[in-house]
């Protein structure tokens, strides 16, 4: 299911950013098995939703400029 795959990807991005261990954009994209342009779009979407994501060129990592957490929940309900 594509939805679950996408949620898992967002959770991985969240962990890497929190740990400040994303690596460069190309390294992070390789870890996630996506293109750099796709990663850029995801990061921009997260920023549009209010995530204070910044990039440190010296440390080569994305990070949150203030405390932040992404929470994704899905409820499957039978009616």
Protein backbone atom coordinates (compact mmCIF):
# COMPACT_ATOMS: atom_id res chain seq x y z
CA UNK A 1 0.00 0.00 0.00
CA UNK A 2 1.48 3.32 -1.09
CA UNK A 3 0.11 5.21 1.90
CA UNK A 4 1.98 3.04 4.40
CA UNK A 5 5.17 3.32 2.35
CA UNK A 6 4.86 7.12 2.31
CA UNK A 7 4.23 7.27 6.07
CA UNK A 8 7.30 5.10 6.70
CA UNK A 9 9.38 7.42 4.53
CA UNK A 10 8.17 10.49 6.46
CA UNK A 11 8.98 8.73 9.75
CA UNK A 12 12.51 7.97 8.51
CA UNK A 13 12.98 11.59 7.44
CA UNK A 14 11.76 12.70 10.88
CA UNK A 15 14.28 10.44 12.67
CA UNK A 16 17.20 11.49 10.49
CA UNK A 17 16.43 15.20 10.93
CA UNK A 18 15.97 14.86 14.71
CA UNK A 19 19.29 13.01 14.99
CA UNK A 20 20.97 15.53 12.69
CA UNK A 21 22.29 12.63 10.66
CA UNK A 22 20.75 13.18 7.23
CA UNK A 23 23.99 13.74 5.38
CA UNK A 24 23.98 15.87 2.26
CA UNK A 25 20.80 16.02 0.17
CA UNK A 26 22.22 13.45 -2.27
CA UNK A 27 23.27 11.13 0.58
CA UNK A 28 19.85 11.42 2.20
CA UNK A 29 18.08 10.81 -1.11
CA UNK A 30 20.19 7.69 -1.64
CA UNK A 31 19.31 6.43 1.85
CA UNK A 32 15.63 6.90 1.08
CA UNK A 33 15.99 5.48 -2.43
CA UNK A 34 14.52 8.60 -4.05
CA UNK A 35 15.85 11.33 -6.29
CA UNK A 36 17.30 14.56 -4.90
CA UNK A 37 14.50 16.49 -6.61
CA UNK A 38 11.88 14.27 -4.92
CA UNK A 39 13.58 14.82 -1.56
CA UNK A 40 13.54 18.57 -2.18
CA UNK A 41 9.80 18.46 -2.87
CA UNK A 42 9.15 16.46 0.32
CA UNK A 43 11.25 18.87 2.42
CA UNK A 44 9.41 21.82 0.86
CA UNK A 45 6.02 20.18 1.58
CA UNK A 46 7.03 19.67 5.21
CA UNK A 47 8.16 23.30 5.46
CA UNK A 48 4.83 24.40 3.98
CA UNK A 49 3.13 22.48 6.81
CA UNK A 50 5.17 24.41 9.37
CA UNK A 51 8.22 22.19 9.91
CA UNK A 52 11.17 24.47 10.77
CA UNK A 53 13.65 22.50 8.66
CA UNK A 54 17.01 24.09 7.94
CA UNK A 55 20.21 22.81 6.35
CA UNK A 56 23.69 23.21 7.84
CA UNK A 57 26.24 23.27 5.00
CA UNK A 58 29.22 22.76 7.31
CA UNK A 59 27.76 19.74 9.12
CA UNK A 60 26.03 18.55 5.95
CA UNK A 61 22.73 17.78 7.62
CA UNK A 62 19.16 18.95 7.84
CA UNK A 63 17.95 19.90 11.31
CA UNK A 64 15.00 21.49 13.08
CA UNK A 65 15.69 25.11 14.06
CA UNK A 66 13.30 24.71 16.99
CA UNK A 67 11.68 21.74 18.75
CA UNK A 68 9.39 19.99 16.30
CA UNK A 69 7.93 16.58 15.69
CA UNK A 70 5.97 15.11 12.82
CA UNK A 71 3.13 12.83 13.87
CA UNK A 72 1.24 10.80 11.33
CA UNK A 73 -1.68 8.63 12.26
CA UNK A 74 -4.05 6.58 10.18
CA UNK A 75 -7.29 5.06 11.35
CA UNK A 76 -8.89 2.24 9.43
CA UNK A 77 -12.48 1.82 10.47
CA UNK A 78 -15.09 -0.70 9.41
CA UNK A 79 -18.61 0.71 9.20
